[in-house]
Amino acid sequence: MTERPVSLYAAAVLRIGYGLLYLLFLLREFPHREEIWGPSSPWTPALARQLFDQTGWASILTLSDSRAYFEFCYVTALATSALFMLGWRTRAVSVLFAVVVTSFHARAIFMTDGGDNLILLMAIYLMFTACGTCWSLDARRCSKGSTSAGWCRRRLGAVGTSAIWGDLGGVRKTLITVLHNCAMCVIAVQVCFLYGAAGLYKVQGGLWDNGTALHYVLNLRFFHPWPMLSQMADAHPLLLSITGYLAVLLQVAFPFVLFGRLKYPVLTMLLSMHVGIALLLGLPLFSGAMIIADAVFLPDRFFRSLARLGPSVVKKPSHVASLR
């Protein structure tokens, strides 16, 4: 927990994934932004502020009722998501990204779902990680040796105070390492709680117990992005029952298979499940958030092997670069 940061590549995948996912979400809702978050929304800024007094939430979108201010906030949110995904000045931008996600989530909290909740949690957790170490503009700048830290080290050596600043640098390095490792552990535990709780709730349901839950889900009018595709899946009741039982088993067993090789086939089956949810139920944001979160359980050697298949963006992070 104190000597070296773990899962740096996984943290980078989380940063890229959630930054891209939220950017696409904001772009998709761009034509409807006024009705969802703007001053002309049925859930007016005044109503939102009244709710904040009761719940303790806050949002930068309610600081002003001006349309120009809202448009400025929306453009800022788009730029922040893009910069967070690219890993530019990640330490500061990660805080801004968390503020953006929290503000948009709180402004229209009655229109959010499980995917929005997970993205909100991950945005907060990622503030404490070194998610800009790999596959980022920050890492590329560090690899070229043009960082201000390198300049400061040369200057400090010139004036003979490098020993003092070296001690402070060691403390800073240890602190950032501990924060990063603790945050990655919290992310992993959060995903375990999510899967475990979802599986245990399903166990208590009679429809999941008799294997008919997916049949009823596929016939819900609000979850019919492609009715013909839902009808094709619903035409195989035995396969649907087996899939339902398997989904419950995977979710309940997930926290207990993480310390062996069994986790790889389990993660693969969960990936298939989330792709099915996105296609059959029309919940791409939720599925995308879950798929990205699952990346926290993949080791760095897996992501390094993927990087070798294409052009390398950054060098393998050094012990010092990992704490930038």
C-alpha atoms as a PDB file:
ATOM      1  CA  MET A   1       0.000   0.000   0.000  1.00  0.00           C
ATOM      2  CA  THR A   2       2.887   2.433   0.574  1.00  0.00           C
ATOM      3  CA  GLU A   3       5.797   1.402  -1.662  1.00  0.00           C
ATOM      4  CA  ARG A   4       4.403   1.381  -5.189  1.00  0.00           C
ATOM      5  CA  PRO A   5       1.128   2.291  -6.916  1.00  0.00           C
ATOM      6  CA  VAL A   6      -0.886  -0.668  -8.206  1.00  0.00           C
ATOM      7  CA  SER A   7      -3.181  -1.049 -11.218  1.00  0.00           C
ATOM      8  CA  LEU A   8      -1.964   2.091 -12.968  1.00  0.00           C
ATOM      9  CA  TYR A   9      -3.160   0.856 -16.349  1.00  0.00           C
ATOM     10  CA  ALA A  10      -6.549  -0.089 -14.908  1.00  0.00           C
ATOM     11  CA  ALA A  11      -6.860   3.425 -13.469  1.00  0.00           C
ATOM     12  CA  ALA A  12      -6.051   4.842 -16.905  1.00  0.00           C
ATOM     13  CA  VAL A  13      -8.746   2.664 -18.487  1.00  0.00           C
ATOM     14  CA  LEU A  14     -11.256   3.916 -15.922  1.00  0.00           C
ATOM     15  CA  ARG A  15     -10.268   7.519 -16.674  1.00  0.00           C
ATOM     16  CA  ILE A  16     -10.520   7.092 -20.437  1.00  0.00           C
ATOM     17  CA  GLY A  17     -13.698   5.045 -20.225  1.00  0.00           C
ATOM     18  CA  TYR A  18     -15.694   7.308 -17.933  1.00  0.00           C
ATOM     19  CA  GLY A  19     -14.449  10.478 -19.595  1.00  0.00           C
ATOM     20  CA  LEU A  20     -15.473   9.170 -23.020  1.00  0.00           C
ATOM     21  CA  LEU A  21     -18.762   7.762 -21.741  1.00  0.00           C
ATOM     22  CA  TYR A  22     -19.815  11.028 -20.128  1.00  0.00           C
ATOM     23  CA  LEU A  23     -18.700  13.019 -23.173  1.00  0.00           C
ATOM     24  CA  LEU A  24     -20.867  10.846 -25.437  1.00  0.00           C
ATOM     25  CA  PHE A  25     -23.735  11.143 -22.969  1.00  0.00           C
ATOM     26  CA  LEU A  26     -23.582  14.952 -23.014  1.00  0.00           C
ATOM     27  CA  LEU A  27     -23.306  15.026 -26.813  1.00  0.00           C
ATOM     28  CA  ARG A  28     -26.265  12.685 -27.176  1.00  0.00           C
ATOM     29  CA  GLU A  29     -28.430  14.842 -24.910  1.00  0.00           C
ATOM     30  CA  PHE A  30     -27.237  18.107 -26.476  1.00  0.00           C
ATOM     31  CA  PRO A  31     -30.540  18.697 -28.372  1.00  0.00           C
ATOM     32  CA  HIS A  32     -32.499  18.038 -25.143  1.00  0.00           C
ATOM     33  CA  ARG A  33     -30.210  19.835 -22.703  1.00  0.00           C
ATOM     34  CA  GLU A  34     -32.693  22.656 -22.027  1.00  0.00           C
ATOM     35  CA  GLU A  35     -35.487  20.254 -21.094  1.00  0.00           C
ATOM     36  CA  ILE A  36     -33.263  18.179 -18.794  1.00  0.00           C
ATOM     37  CA  TRP A  37     -30.886  20.609 -17.083  1.00  0.00           C
ATOM     38  CA  GLY A  38     -31.631  24.090 -18.428  1.00  0.00           C
ATOM     39  CA  PRO A  39     -33.578  27.009 -16.931  1.00  0.00           C
ATOM     40  CA  SER A  40     -36.643  25.991 -19.011  1.00  0.00           C
ATOM     41  CA  SER A  41     -36.740  22.484 -17.546  1.00  0.00           C
ATOM     42  CA  PRO A  42     -40.012  21.443 -15.838  1.00  0.00           C
ATOM     43  CA  TRP A  43     -37.837  20.797 -12.787  1.00  0.00           C
ATOM     44  CA  THR A  44     -36.876  24.441 -12.436  1.00  0.00           C
ATOM     45  CA  PRO A  45     -33.713  25.720 -10.727  1.00  0.00           C
ATOM     46  CA  ALA A  46     -35.904  27.042  -7.896  1.00  0.00           C
ATOM     47  CA  LEU A  47     -37.368  23.571  -7.285  1.00  0.00           C
ATOM     48  CA  ALA A  48     -33.879  22.083  -7.440  1.00  0.00           C
ATOM     49  CA  ARG A  49     -32.613  24.537  -4.827  1.00  0.00           C
ATOM     50  CA  GLN A  50     -35.543  23.694  -2.542  1.00  0.00           C
ATOM     51  CA  LEU A  51     -34.635  20.017  -2.806  1.00  0.00           C
ATOM     52  CA  PHE A  52     -30.966  20.790  -2.112  1.00  0.00           C
ATOM     53  CA  ASP A  53     -31.979  22.418   1.167  1.00  0.00           C
ATOM     54  CA  GLN A  54     -33.435  19.080   2.249  1.00  0.00           C
ATOM     55  CA  THR A  55     -30.905  16.661   0.770  1.00  0.00           C
ATOM     56  CA  GLY A  56     -27.635  18.581   1.048  1.00  0.00           C
ATOM     57  CA  TRP A  57     -26.836  18.230  -2.663  1.00  0.00           C
ATOM     58  CA  ALA A  58     -25.309  21.089  -4.652  1.00  0.00           C
ATOM     59  CA  SER A  59     -24.954  22.000  -8.308  1.00  0.00           C
ATOM     60  CA  ILE A  60     -23.129  24.727 -10.162  1.00  0.00           C
ATOM     61  CA  LEU A  61     -26.033  24.789 -12.637  1.00  0.00           C
ATOM     62  CA  THR A  62     -28.348  26.383 -10.065  1.00  0.00           C
ATOM     63  CA  LEU A  63     -26.036  29.303  -9.236  1.00  0.00           C
ATOM     64  CA  SER A  64     -27.753  31.340 -11.941  1.00  0.00           C
ATOM     65  CA  ASP A  65     -30.989  31.105 -13.945  1.00  0.00           C
ATOM     66  CA  SER A  66     -29.354  32.719 -16.972  1.00  0.00           C
ATOM     67  CA  ARG A  67     -29.491  30.772 -20.228  1.00  0.00           C
ATOM     68  CA  ALA A  68     -26.033  32.056 -21.183  1.00  0.00           C
ATOM     69  CA  TYR A  69     -24.629  30.760 -17.904  1.00  0.00           C
ATOM     70  CA  PHE A  70     -26.168  27.335 -18.519  1.00  0.00           C
ATOM     71  CA  GLU A  71     -24.688  27.156 -22.024  1.00  0.00           C
ATOM     72  CA  PHE A  72     -21.287  28.093 -20.598  1.00  0.00           C
ATOM     73  CA  CYS A  73     -21.574  25.303 -18.013  1.00  0.00           C
ATOM     74  CA  TYR A  74     -22.553  22.794 -20.697  1.00  0.00           C
ATOM     75  CA  VAL A  75     -19.623  23.684 -22.932  1.00  0.00           C
ATOM     76  CA  THR A  76     -17.337  23.519 -19.897  1.00  0.00           C
ATOM     77  CA  ALA A  77     -18.685  20.058 -19.093  1.00  0.00           C
ATOM     78  CA  LEU A  78     -17.978  18.878 -22.646  1.00  0.00           C
ATOM     79  CA  ALA A  79     -14.432  20.254 -22.542  1.00  0.00           C
ATOM     80  CA  THR A  80     -13.783  18.826 -19.069  1.00  0.00           C
ATOM     81  CA  SER A  81     -14.922  15.341 -20.109  1.00  0.00           C
ATOM     82  CA  ALA A  82     -12.693  15.449 -23.181  1.00  0.00           C
ATOM     83  CA  LEU A  83      -9.640  16.683 -21.244  1.00  0.00           C
ATOM     84  CA  PHE A  84     -10.199  14.093 -18.513  1.00  0.00           C
ATOM     85  CA  MET A  85     -10.380  11.348 -21.111  1.00  0.00           C
ATOM     86  CA  LEU A  86      -7.146  12.568 -22.729  1.00  0.00           C
ATOM     87  CA  GLY A  87      -5.377  12.933 -19.385  1.00  0.00           C
ATOM     88  CA  TRP A  88      -4.406  16.598 -19.624  1.00  0.00           C
ATOM     89  CA  ARG A  89      -3.413  18.071 -16.227  1.00  0.00           C
ATOM     90  CA  THR A  90      -5.243  15.081 -14.803  1.00  0.00           C
ATOM     91  CA  ARG A  91      -4.846  15.927 -11.144  1.00  0.00           C
ATOM     92  CA  ALA A  92      -6.777  19.196 -11.471  1.00  0.00           C
ATOM     93  CA  VAL A  93      -9.115  18.139 -14.262  1.00  0.00           C
ATOM     94  CA  SER A  94     -10.219  15.061 -12.304  1.00  0.00           C
ATOM     95  CA  VAL A  95     -11.552  17.351  -9.573  1.00  0.00           C
ATOM     96  CA  LEU A  96     -13.341  19.496 -12.139  1.00  0.00           C
ATOM     97  CA  PHE A  97     -14.779  16.358 -13.771  1.00  0.00           C
ATOM     98  CA  ALA A  98     -16.169  15.193 -10.424  1.00  0.00           C
ATOM     99  CA  VAL A  99     -17.754  18.624  -9.880  1.00  0.00           C
ATOM    100  CA  VAL A 100     -19.321  18.502 -13.359  1.00  0.00           C
ATOM    101  CA  VAL A 101     -20.735  14.997 -12.925  1.00  0.00           C
ATOM    102  CA  THR A 102     -22.071  15.815  -9.445  1.00  0.00           C
ATOM    103  CA  SER A 103     -23.669  19.049 -10.658  1.00  0.00           C
ATOM    104  CA  PHE A 104     -25.460  17.494 -13.624  1.00  0.00           C
ATOM    105  CA  HIS A 105     -26.516  14.496 -11.539  1.00  0.00           C
ATOM    106  CA  ALA A 106     -27.976  16.678  -8.767  1.00  0.00           C
ATOM    107  CA  ARG A 107     -29.679  19.102 -11.158  1.00  0.00           C
ATOM    108  CA  ALA A 108     -31.931  16.384 -12.635  1.00  0.00           C
ATOM    109  CA  ILE A 109     -31.687  13.712  -9.961  1.00  0.00           C
ATOM    110  CA  PHE A 110     -35.151  12.296 -10.714  1.00  0.00           C
ATOM    111  CA  MET A 111     -34.028  11.399 -14.232  1.00  0.00           C
ATOM    112  CA  THR A 112     -30.971   9.399 -13.169  1.00  0.00           C
ATOM    113  CA  ASP A 113     -30.550   5.634 -12.989  1.00  0.00           C
ATOM    114  CA  GLY A 114     -28.005   3.090 -11.780  1.00  0.00           C
ATOM    115  CA  GLY A 115     -25.551   3.988 -14.525  1.00  0.00           C
ATOM    116  CA  ASP A 116     -25.575   7.657 -13.511  1.00  0.00           C
ATOM    117  CA  ASN A 117     -25.046   6.701  -9.865  1.00  0.00           C
ATOM    118  CA  LEU A 118     -22.043   4.529 -10.713  1.00  0.00           C
ATOM    119  CA  ILE A 119     -20.435   7.199 -12.902  1.00  0.00           C
ATOM    120  CA  LEU A 120     -20.888   9.710 -10.079  1.00  0.00           C
ATOM    121  CA  LEU A 121     -19.179   7.417  -7.567  1.00  0.00           C
ATOM    122  CA  MET A 122     -16.326   6.609  -9.937  1.00  0.00           C
ATOM    123  CA  ALA A 123     -15.754  10.266 -10.761  1.00  0.00           C
ATOM    124  CA  ILE A 124     -15.296  10.970  -7.050  1.00  0.00           C
ATOM    125  CA  TYR A 125     -13.031   7.958  -6.457  1.00  0.00           C
ATOM    126  CA  LEU A 126     -10.833   8.733  -9.462  1.00  0.00           C
ATOM    127  CA  MET A 127      -9.888  12.116  -7.955  1.00  0.00           C
ATOM    128  CA  PHE A 128      -7.677  10.221  -5.494  1.00  0.00           C
ATOM    129  CA  THR A 129      -5.949   7.977  -8.044  1.00  0.00           C
ATOM    130  CA  ALA A 130      -2.911   8.485 -10.245  1.00  0.00           C
ATOM    131  CA  CYS A 131      -5.100   7.831 -13.280  1.00  0.00           C
ATOM    132  CA  GLY A 132      -3.068  10.160 -15.482  1.00  0.00           C
ATOM    133  CA  THR A 133       0.129   8.113 -15.216  1.00  0.00           C
ATOM    134  CA  CYS A 134      -0.480   5.898 -18.266  1.00  0.00           C
ATOM    135  CA  TRP A 135      -1.988   6.508 -21.676  1.00  0.00           C
ATOM    136  CA  SER A 136      -2.363  10.242 -21.137  1.00  0.00           C
ATOM    137  CA  LEU A 137      -1.026  13.559 -22.340  1.00  0.00           C
ATOM    138  CA  ASP A 138       0.553  14.012 -18.917  1.00  0.00           C
ATOM    139  CA  ALA A 139       2.485  10.758 -19.264  1.00  0.00           C
ATOM    140  CA  ARG A 140       3.603  11.732 -22.743  1.00  0.00           C
ATOM    141  CA  ARG A 141       4.864  15.077 -21.458  1.00  0.00           C
ATOM    142  CA  CYS A 142       6.717  13.359 -18.607  1.00  0.00           C
ATOM    143  CA  SER A 143       8.338  10.866 -20.964  1.00  0.00           C
ATOM    144  CA  LYS A 144       9.838  13.732 -22.935  1.00  0.00           C
ATOM    145  CA  GLY A 145      11.495  15.112 -19.796  1.00  0.00           C
ATOM    146  CA  SER A 146       9.901  18.514 -20.150  1.00  0.00           C
ATOM    147  CA  THR A 147       7.960  18.616 -16.893  1.00  0.00           C
ATOM    148  CA  SER A 148       8.212  21.440 -14.428  1.00  0.00           C
ATOM    149  CA  ALA A 149       9.210  18.875 -11.785  1.00  0.00           C
ATOM    150  CA  GLY A 150      12.336  18.019 -13.731  1.00  0.00           C
ATOM    151  CA  TRP A 151      13.121  21.709 -14.091  1.00  0.00           C
ATOM    152  CA  CYS A 152      12.604  22.184 -10.333  1.00  0.00           C
ATOM    153  CA  ARG A 153      14.914  19.262  -9.525  1.00  0.00           C
ATOM    154  CA  ARG A 154      17.680  20.805 -11.640  1.00  0.00           C
ATOM    155  CA  ARG A 155      17.188  24.185 -10.002  1.00  0.00           C
ATOM    156  CA  LEU A 156      17.171  22.730  -6.497  1.00  0.00           C
ATOM    157  CA  GLY A 157      20.368  20.818  -7.165  1.00  0.00           C
ATOM    158  CA  ALA A 158      21.977  24.044  -8.298  1.00  0.00           C
ATOM    159  CA  VAL A 159      21.243  25.848  -5.049  1.00  0.00           C
ATOM    160  CA  GLY A 160      22.157  22.914  -2.782  1.00  0.00           C
ATOM    161  CA  THR A 161      18.747  22.318  -1.194  1.00  0.00           C
ATOM    162  CA  SER A 162      17.970  19.069  -2.978  1.00  0.00           C
ATOM    163  CA  ALA A 163      18.223  17.016   0.237  1.00  0.00           C
ATOM    164  CA  ILE A 164      15.427  18.961   1.941  1.00  0.00           C
ATOM    165  CA  TRP A 165      13.173  18.867  -1.088  1.00  0.00           C
ATOM    166  CA  GLY A 166      14.102  15.255  -1.640  1.00  0.00           C
ATOM    167  CA  ASP A 167      12.666  14.371   1.768  1.00  0.00           C
ATOM    168  CA  LEU A 168       9.511  16.319   1.024  1.00  0.00           C
ATOM    169  CA  GLY A 169       9.285  14.609  -2.344  1.00  0.00           C
ATOM    170  CA  GLY A 170       9.512  11.234  -0.634  1.00  0.00           C
ATOM    171  CA  VAL A 171       6.656  12.134   1.709  1.00  0.00           C
ATOM    172  CA  ARG A 172       4.595  13.386  -1.205  1.00  0.00           C
ATOM    173  CA  LYS A 173       5.346  10.220  -3.167  1.00  0.00           C
ATOM    174  CA  THR A 174       4.260   7.982  -0.276  1.00  0.00           C
ATOM    175  CA  LEU A 175       1.087  10.000   0.319  1.00  0.00           C
ATOM    176  CA  ILE A 176       0.032   9.866  -3.327  1.00  0.00           C
ATOM    177  CA  THR A 177       0.820   6.153  -3.487  1.00  0.00           C
ATOM    178  CA  VAL A 178      -1.343   5.432  -0.429  1.00  0.00           C
ATOM    179  CA  LEU A 179      -4.214   7.550  -1.753  1.00  0.00           C
ATOM    180  CA  HIS A 180      -4.061   5.877  -5.142  1.00  0.00           C
ATOM    181  CA  ASN A 181      -3.940   2.335  -3.762  1.00  0.00           C
ATOM    182  CA  CYS A 182      -6.734   3.000  -1.264  1.00  0.00           C
ATOM    183  CA  ALA A 183      -8.923   4.545  -3.973  1.00  0.00           C
ATOM    184  CA  MET A 184      -8.391   1.558  -6.283  1.00  0.00           C
ATOM    185  CA  CYS A 185      -9.325  -0.777  -3.416  1.00  0.00           C
ATOM    186  CA  VAL A 186     -12.468   1.268  -2.754  1.00  0.00           C
ATOM    187  CA  ILE A 187     -13.415   1.056  -6.448  1.00  0.00           C
ATOM    188  CA  ALA A 188     -12.961  -2.723  -6.399  1.00  0.00           C
ATOM    189  CA  VAL A 189     -15.014  -3.071  -3.212  1.00  0.00           C
ATOM    190  CA  GLN A 190     -17.721  -0.820  -4.668  1.00  0.00           C
ATOM    191  CA  VAL A 191     -18.078  -3.079  -7.708  1.00  0.00           C
ATOM    192  CA  CYS A 192     -18.165  -6.179  -5.481  1.00  0.00           C
ATOM    193  CA  PHE A 193     -20.933  -4.654  -3.355  1.00  0.00           C
ATOM    194  CA  LEU A 194     -22.838  -3.715  -6.499  1.00  0.00           C
ATOM    195  CA  TYR A 195     -22.746  -7.204  -7.987  1.00  0.00           C
ATOM    196  CA  GLY A 196     -23.324  -8.945  -4.664  1.00  0.00           C
ATOM    197  CA  ALA A 197     -26.282  -6.762  -3.707  1.00  0.00           C
ATOM    198  CA  ALA A 198     -27.847  -7.097  -7.164  1.00  0.00           C
ATOM    199  CA  GLY A 199     -27.550 -10.881  -7.025  1.00  0.00           C
ATOM    200  CA  LEU A 200     -28.962 -11.136  -3.491  1.00  0.00           C
ATOM    201  CA  TYR A 201     -31.913  -8.905  -4.381  1.00  0.00           C
ATOM    202  CA  LYS A 202     -32.644 -11.156  -7.359  1.00  0.00           C
ATOM    203  CA  VAL A 203     -32.552 -14.243  -5.143  1.00  0.00           C
ATOM    204  CA  GLN A 204     -35.409 -12.777  -3.102  1.00  0.00           C
ATOM    205  CA  GLY A 205     -37.605 -12.274  -6.172  1.00  0.00           C
ATOM    206  CA  GLY A 206     -40.113 -14.929  -7.173  1.00  0.00           C
ATOM    207  CA  LEU A 207     -39.718 -14.235 -10.895  1.00  0.00           C
ATOM    208  CA  TRP A 208     -35.995 -14.895 -10.725  1.00  0.00           C
ATOM    209  CA  ASP A 209     -36.637 -17.977  -8.612  1.00  0.00           C
ATOM    210  CA  ASN A 210     -38.920 -19.575 -11.208  1.00  0.00           C
ATOM    211  CA  GLY A 211     -36.838 -18.415 -14.180  1.00  0.00           C
ATOM    212  CA  THR A 212     -39.401 -16.106 -15.798  1.00  0.00           C
ATOM    213  CA  ALA A 213     -37.861 -12.712 -14.907  1.00  0.00           C
ATOM    214  CA  LEU A 214     -36.170 -12.144 -18.266  1.00  0.00           C
ATOM    215  CA  HIS A 215     -39.398 -13.005 -20.100  1.00  0.00           C
ATOM    216  CA  TYR A 216     -41.219 -10.176 -18.316  1.00  0.00           C
ATOM    217  CA  VAL A 217     -38.294  -7.790 -18.729  1.00  0.00           C
ATOM    218  CA  LEU A 218     -38.250  -8.349 -22.484  1.00  0.00           C
ATOM    219  CA  ASN A 219     -41.951  -7.474 -22.655  1.00  0.00           C
ATOM    220  CA  LEU A 220     -41.731  -4.153 -20.813  1.00  0.00           C
ATOM    221  CA  ARG A 221     -42.810  -1.374 -23.168  1.00  0.00           C
ATOM    222  CA  PHE A 222     -40.252   1.123 -21.837  1.00  0.00           C
ATOM    223  CA  PHE A 223     -37.332  -1.242 -22.572  1.00  0.00           C
ATOM    224  CA  HIS A 224     -37.984  -2.013 -26.235  1.00  0.00           C
ATOM    225  CA  PRO A 225     -35.318  -0.293 -28.352  1.00  0.00           C
ATOM    226  CA  TRP A 226     -35.698  -3.034 -30.978  1.00  0.00           C
ATOM    227  CA  PRO A 227     -38.992  -4.901 -30.432  1.00  0.00           C
ATOM    228  CA  MET A 228     -38.213  -7.501 -33.065  1.00  0.00           C
ATOM    229  CA  LEU A 229     -34.929  -8.388 -31.357  1.00  0.00           C
ATOM    230  CA  SER A 230     -36.725  -8.708 -28.006  1.00  0.00           C
ATOM    231  CA  GLN A 231     -39.339 -10.981 -29.565  1.00  0.00           C
ATOM    232  CA  MET A 232     -36.629 -13.190 -31.058  1.00  0.00           C
ATOM    233  CA  ALA A 233     -34.978 -13.590 -27.648  1.00  0.00           C
ATOM    234  CA  ASP A 234     -38.324 -14.184 -25.941  1.00  0.00           C
ATOM    235  CA  ALA A 235     -39.041 -17.049 -28.355  1.00  0.00           C
ATOM    236  CA  HIS A 236     -36.507 -19.237 -26.464  1.00  0.00           C
ATOM    237  CA  PRO A 237     -37.939 -19.591 -22.929  1.00  0.00           C
ATOM    238  CA  LEU A 238     -35.557 -22.357 -21.847  1.00  0.00           C
ATOM    239  CA  LEU A 239     -32.514 -20.323 -22.857  1.00  0.00           C
ATOM    240  CA  LEU A 240     -33.930 -17.282 -21.054  1.00  0.00           C
ATOM    241  CA  SER A 241     -34.425 -19.292 -17.853  1.00  0.00           C
ATOM    242  CA  ILE A 242     -30.863 -20.626 -17.973  1.00  0.00           C
ATOM    243  CA  THR A 243     -29.533 -17.117 -18.644  1.00  0.00           C
ATOM    244  CA  GLY A 244     -31.494 -15.720 -15.700  1.00  0.00           C
ATOM    245  CA  TYR A 245     -30.187 -18.343 -13.270  1.00  0.00           C
ATOM    246  CA  LEU A 246     -26.648 -17.843 -14.600  1.00  0.00           C
ATOM    247  CA  ALA A 247     -26.884 -14.075 -14.133  1.00  0.00           C
ATOM    248  CA  VAL A 248     -27.878 -14.499 -10.491  1.00  0.00           C
ATOM    249  CA  LEU A 249     -25.110 -17.039  -9.902  1.00  0.00           C
ATOM    250  CA  LEU A 250     -22.459 -14.817 -11.490  1.00  0.00           C
ATOM    251  CA  GLN A 251     -23.446 -11.763  -9.467  1.00  0.00           C
ATOM    252  CA  VAL A 252     -23.617 -13.556  -6.120  1.00  0.00           C
ATOM    253  CA  ALA A 253     -20.382 -15.473  -6.722  1.00  0.00           C
ATOM    254  CA  PHE A 254     -18.453 -12.545  -8.192  1.00  0.00           C
ATOM    255  CA  PRO A 255     -16.795 -11.282  -4.956  1.00  0.00           C
ATOM    256  CA  PHE A 256     -15.594 -14.817  -4.176  1.00  0.00           C
ATOM    257  CA  VAL A 257     -13.831 -15.588  -7.486  1.00  0.00           C
ATOM    258  CA  LEU A 258     -11.558 -12.540  -7.639  1.00  0.00           C
ATOM    259  CA  PHE A 259      -8.478 -14.238  -6.204  1.00  0.00           C
ATOM    260  CA  GLY A 260      -8.142 -16.990  -8.785  1.00  0.00           C
ATOM    261  CA  ARG A 261      -8.154 -17.535 -12.500  1.00  0.00           C
ATOM    262  CA  LEU A 262     -11.873 -18.221 -12.436  1.00  0.00           C
ATOM    263  CA  LYS A 263     -12.425 -14.473 -12.471  1.00  0.00           C
ATOM    264  CA  TYR A 264     -11.474 -14.244 -16.165  1.00  0.00           C
ATOM    265  CA  PRO A 265     -14.328 -16.425 -17.507  1.00  0.00           C
ATOM    266  CA  VAL A 266     -16.675 -14.745 -15.006  1.00  0.00           C
ATOM    267  CA  LEU A 267     -15.677 -11.284 -16.255  1.00  0.00           C
ATOM    268  CA  THR A 268     -16.146 -12.485 -19.844  1.00  0.00           C
ATOM    269  CA  MET A 269     -19.675 -13.721 -19.083  1.00  0.00           C
ATOM    270  CA  LEU A 270     -20.485 -10.482 -17.276  1.00  0.00           C
ATOM    271  CA  LEU A 271     -19.279  -8.568 -20.324  1.00  0.00           C
ATOM    272  CA  SER A 272     -21.689 -10.578 -22.473  1.00  0.00           C
ATOM    273  CA  MET A 273     -24.488  -9.892 -19.994  1.00  0.00           C
ATOM    274  CA  HIS A 274     -23.918  -6.135 -20.105  1.00  0.00           C
ATOM    275  CA  VAL A 275     -23.769  -6.109 -23.903  1.00  0.00           C
ATOM    276  CA  GLY A 276     -27.101  -7.945 -23.901  1.00  0.00           C
ATOM    277  CA  ILE A 277     -28.587  -5.383 -21.496  1.00  0.00           C
ATOM    278  CA  ALA A 278     -27.428  -2.541 -23.737  1.00  0.00           C
ATOM    279  CA  LEU A 279     -28.874  -4.115 -26.885  1.00  0.00           C
ATOM    280  CA  LEU A 280     -32.094  -5.677 -25.593  1.00  0.00           C
ATOM    281  CA  LEU A 281     -33.099  -3.186 -22.899  1.00  0.00           C
ATOM    282  CA  GLY A 282     -31.681   0.030 -24.356  1.00  0.00           C
ATOM    283  CA  LEU A 283     -29.470   0.877 -21.362  1.00  0.00           C
ATOM    284  CA  PRO A 284     -26.099   1.660 -22.981  1.00  0.00           C
ATOM    285  CA  LEU A 285     -25.021   4.138 -20.285  1.00  0.00           C
ATOM    286  CA  PHE A 286     -25.544   1.630 -17.488  1.00  0.00           C
ATOM    287  CA  SER A 287     -23.896  -1.200 -19.431  1.00  0.00           C
ATOM    288  CA  GLY A 288     -20.959   0.972 -20.418  1.00  0.00           C
ATOM    289  CA  ALA A 289     -20.429   2.108 -16.828  1.00  0.00           C
ATOM    290  CA  MET A 290     -20.426  -1.493 -15.593  1.00  0.00           C
ATOM    291  CA  ILE A 291     -18.089  -2.766 -18.320  1.00  0.00           C
ATOM    292  CA  ILE A 292     -15.591   0.000 -17.563  1.00  0.00           C
ATOM    293  CA  ALA A 293     -15.801  -0.665 -13.826  1.00  0.00           C
ATOM    294  CA  ASP A 294     -14.966  -4.344 -14.385  1.00  0.00           C
ATOM    295  CA  ALA A 295     -11.579  -3.264 -15.791  1.00  0.00           C
ATOM    296  CA  VAL A 296     -10.351  -2.601 -12.241  1.00  0.00           C
ATOM    297  CA  PHE A 297      -9.972  -6.370 -11.741  1.00  0.00           C
ATOM    298  CA  LEU A 298      -7.681  -6.887 -14.748  1.00  0.00           C
ATOM    299  CA  PRO A 299      -3.920  -6.865 -14.016  1.00  0.00           C
ATOM    300  CA  ASP A 300      -1.516  -4.396 -15.583  1.00  0.00           C
ATOM    301  CA  ARG A 301       0.147  -7.159 -17.603  1.00  0.00           C
ATOM    302  CA  PHE A 302      -3.151  -7.634 -19.461  1.00  0.00           C
ATOM    303  CA  PHE A 303      -3.253  -3.982 -20.537  1.00  0.00           C
ATOM    304  CA  ARG A 304       0.455  -3.970 -21.402  1.00  0.00           C
ATOM    305  CA  SER A 305      -0.123  -6.948 -23.684  1.00  0.00           C
ATOM    306  CA  LEU A 306      -2.936  -5.016 -25.373  1.00  0.00           C
ATOM    307  CA  ALA A 307      -0.660  -2.008 -25.816  1.00  0.00           C
ATOM    308  CA  ARG A 308       1.891  -4.167 -27.645  1.00  0.00           C
ATOM    309  CA  LEU A 309      -0.704  -4.963 -30.310  1.00  0.00           C
ATOM    310  CA  GLY A 310      -0.710  -1.334 -31.436  1.00  0.00           C
ATOM    311  CA  PRO A 311       1.575   1.703 -31.377  1.00  0.00           C
ATOM    312  CA  SER A 312       2.712   2.554 -27.876  1.00  0.00           C
ATOM    313  CA  VAL A 313       1.367   5.877 -26.666  1.00  0.00           C
ATOM    314  CA  VAL A 314       3.587   6.203 -23.634  1.00  0.00           C
ATOM    315  CA  LYS A 315       6.506   4.417 -22.135  1.00  0.00           C
ATOM    316  CA  LYS A 316       6.068   2.019 -19.267  1.00  0.00           C
ATOM    317  CA  PRO A 317       5.585   4.266 -16.220  1.00  0.00           C
ATOM    318  CA  SER A 318       8.562   4.597 -13.983  1.00  0.00           C
ATOM    319  CA  HIS A 319       8.352   4.627 -10.195  1.00  0.00           C
ATOM    320  CA  VAL A 320       8.660   8.415 -10.171  1.00  0.00           C
ATOM    321  CA  ALA A 321       6.402   9.113 -13.162  1.00  0.00           C
ATOM    322  CA  SER A 322       3.631   7.097 -11.546  1.00  0.00           C
ATOM    323  CA  LEU A 323       3.287   9.737  -8.856  1.00  0.00           C
ATOM    324  CA  ARG A 324       3.068  12.793 -11.068  1.00  0.00           C
END
